[in-house]
Amino acid sequence: MKENIKNQAFTGYMIKDVEISMAEYFFNNYTLDKPIPKFYWLKINGIENMDDLYIRSEKKLFCSERLINFLTNNCVSKYLE
């Protein structure tokens, strides 16, 4: 999904690496048959009515219809199967 978004001309965000850690609770309660995937931070820095992603003053995330359509058609359905 990260690469799909990066290859488009969407605005209002940065993708940063993120470090995750797992507490003892995780190891004691979850059994995974595959490795933990690499996570990324989608840092929103857009300006209202200028960018595809932005956070309004009441702390609500907004995204353009163009971005919603792109995600729906190209990314989201792959991860819901």
C-alpha atoms as a PDB file:
ATOM      1  CA  MET A   1       0.000   0.000   0.000  1.00  0.00           C
ATOM      2  CA  LYS A   2       2.877   2.355   0.825  1.00  0.00           C
ATOM      3  CA  GLU A   3       4.345   2.015  -2.668  1.00  0.00           C
ATOM      4  CA  ASN A   4       0.942   2.429  -4.325  1.00  0.00           C
ATOM      5  CA  ILE A   5       0.383   5.735  -2.521  1.00  0.00           C
ATOM      6  CA  LYS A   6       3.945   6.988  -3.066  1.00  0.00           C
ATOM      7  CA  ASN A   7       3.704   6.408  -6.823  1.00  0.00           C
ATOM      8  CA  GLN A   8       0.747   8.780  -7.088  1.00  0.00           C
ATOM      9  CA  ALA A   9       0.774  12.569  -6.817  1.00  0.00           C
ATOM     10  CA  PHE A  10      -1.074  12.746  -3.495  1.00  0.00           C
ATOM     11  CA  THR A  11      -0.164  15.491  -1.062  1.00  0.00           C
ATOM     12  CA  GLY A  12      -0.371  16.229   2.632  1.00  0.00           C
ATOM     13  CA  TYR A  13       1.674  13.413   4.118  1.00  0.00           C
ATOM     14  CA  MET A  14       5.108  11.927   4.656  1.00  0.00           C
ATOM     15  CA  ILE A  15       5.908   8.253   5.062  1.00  0.00           C
ATOM     16  CA  LYS A  16       8.467   7.614   7.779  1.00  0.00           C
ATOM     17  CA  ASP A  17      10.040   4.496   9.211  1.00  0.00           C
ATOM     18  CA  VAL A  18       8.734   3.503  12.616  1.00  0.00           C
ATOM     19  CA  GLU A  19      10.254   1.309  15.267  1.00  0.00           C
ATOM     20  CA  ILE A  20       7.963  -1.146  16.992  1.00  0.00           C
ATOM     21  CA  SER A  21       8.530  -3.146  20.126  1.00  0.00           C
ATOM     22  CA  MET A  22       6.655  -6.063  21.561  1.00  0.00           C
ATOM     23  CA  ALA A  23       6.052  -6.444  25.255  1.00  0.00           C
ATOM     24  CA  GLU A  24       6.058  -9.702  27.170  1.00  0.00           C
ATOM     25  CA  TYR A  25       2.232  -9.701  26.910  1.00  0.00           C
ATOM     26  CA  PHE A  26       2.521  -9.964  23.127  1.00  0.00           C
ATOM     27  CA  PHE A  27       4.852 -12.945  23.248  1.00  0.00           C
ATOM     28  CA  ASN A  28       2.720 -14.685  25.877  1.00  0.00           C
ATOM     29  CA  ASN A  29      -0.604 -14.195  24.085  1.00  0.00           C
ATOM     30  CA  TYR A  30      -0.016 -14.266  20.337  1.00  0.00           C
ATOM     31  CA  THR A  31       1.299 -17.114  18.253  1.00  0.00           C
ATOM     32  CA  LEU A  32       2.219 -16.131  14.744  1.00  0.00           C
ATOM     33  CA  ASP A  33       3.279 -18.452  11.969  1.00  0.00           C
ATOM     34  CA  LYS A  34       4.860 -15.604  10.031  1.00  0.00           C
ATOM     35  CA  PRO A  35       7.166 -12.712  10.811  1.00  0.00           C
ATOM     36  CA  ILE A  36       5.846  -9.336  11.937  1.00  0.00           C
ATOM     37  CA  PRO A  37       5.622  -7.066   8.870  1.00  0.00           C
ATOM     38  CA  LYS A  38       7.493  -3.788   8.597  1.00  0.00           C
ATOM     39  CA  PHE A  39       5.309  -0.876   9.716  1.00  0.00           C
ATOM     40  CA  TYR A  40       5.437   2.706   8.481  1.00  0.00           C
ATOM     41  CA  TRP A  41       4.223   5.972   9.935  1.00  0.00           C
ATOM     42  CA  LEU A  42       1.855   7.948   7.714  1.00  0.00           C
ATOM     43  CA  LYS A  43       2.579  11.405   9.078  1.00  0.00           C
ATOM     44  CA  ILE A  44      -0.132  13.859   8.080  1.00  0.00           C
ATOM     45  CA  ASN A  45       1.106  17.380   7.397  1.00  0.00           C
ATOM     46  CA  GLY A  46      -1.437  18.663   4.869  1.00  0.00           C
ATOM     47  CA  ILE A  47      -3.267  21.961   4.755  1.00  0.00           C
ATOM     48  CA  GLU A  48      -7.061  22.056   4.697  1.00  0.00           C
ATOM     49  CA  ASN A  49      -8.570  22.410   1.200  1.00  0.00           C
ATOM     50  CA  MET A  50      -5.109  22.293  -0.396  1.00  0.00           C
ATOM     51  CA  ASP A  51      -3.866  18.740   0.174  1.00  0.00           C
ATOM     52  CA  ASP A  52      -5.273  15.243  -0.203  1.00  0.00           C
ATOM     53  CA  LEU A  53      -4.748  14.507   3.509  1.00  0.00           C
ATOM     54  CA  TYR A  54      -5.057  16.921   6.404  1.00  0.00           C
ATOM     55  CA  ILE A  55      -6.175  17.110  10.012  1.00  0.00           C
ATOM     56  CA  ARG A  56      -8.724  19.766  10.892  1.00  0.00           C
ATOM     57  CA  SER A  57      -8.616  21.772  14.105  1.00  0.00           C
ATOM     58  CA  GLU A  58     -11.129  19.437  15.806  1.00  0.00           C
ATOM     59  CA  LYS A  59      -8.580  16.611  15.302  1.00  0.00           C
ATOM     60  CA  LYS A  60     -10.474  14.855  12.502  1.00  0.00           C
ATOM     61  CA  LEU A  61      -8.644  13.296   9.566  1.00  0.00           C
ATOM     62  CA  PHE A  62      -9.876  14.315   6.133  1.00  0.00           C
ATOM     63  CA  CYS A  63      -8.850  13.008   2.740  1.00  0.00           C
ATOM     64  CA  SER A  64      -9.788  13.982  -0.779  1.00  0.00           C
ATOM     65  CA  GLU A  65     -12.328  12.069  -2.796  1.00  0.00           C
ATOM     66  CA  ARG A  66      -9.547  11.359  -5.289  1.00  0.00           C
ATOM     67  CA  LEU A  67      -7.489   9.609  -2.600  1.00  0.00           C
ATOM     68  CA  ILE A  68     -10.500   7.686  -1.260  1.00  0.00           C
ATOM     69  CA  ASN A  69     -11.288   6.453  -4.770  1.00  0.00           C
ATOM     70  CA  PHE A  70      -7.674   5.440  -5.332  1.00  0.00           C
ATOM     71  CA  LEU A  71      -7.478   3.528  -2.047  1.00  0.00           C
ATOM     72  CA  THR A  72     -10.810   1.811  -2.644  1.00  0.00           C
ATOM     73  CA  ASN A  73      -9.926   0.757  -6.175  1.00  0.00           C
ATOM     74  CA  ASN A  74      -6.247  -0.103  -5.754  1.00  0.00           C
ATOM     75  CA  CYS A  75      -5.343  -0.917  -2.178  1.00  0.00           C
ATOM     76  CA  VAL A  76      -8.049  -1.579   0.353  1.00  0.00           C
ATOM     77  CA  SER A  77      -9.773  -4.505  -1.331  1.00  0.00           C
ATOM     78  CA  LYS A  78      -6.470  -6.446  -1.481  1.00  0.00           C
ATOM     79  CA  TYR A  79      -6.157  -6.276   2.296  1.00  0.00           C
ATOM     80  CA  LEU A  80      -9.759  -7.179   3.084  1.00  0.00           C
ATOM     81  CA  GLU A  81      -9.648 -10.620   1.436  1.00  0.00           C
END
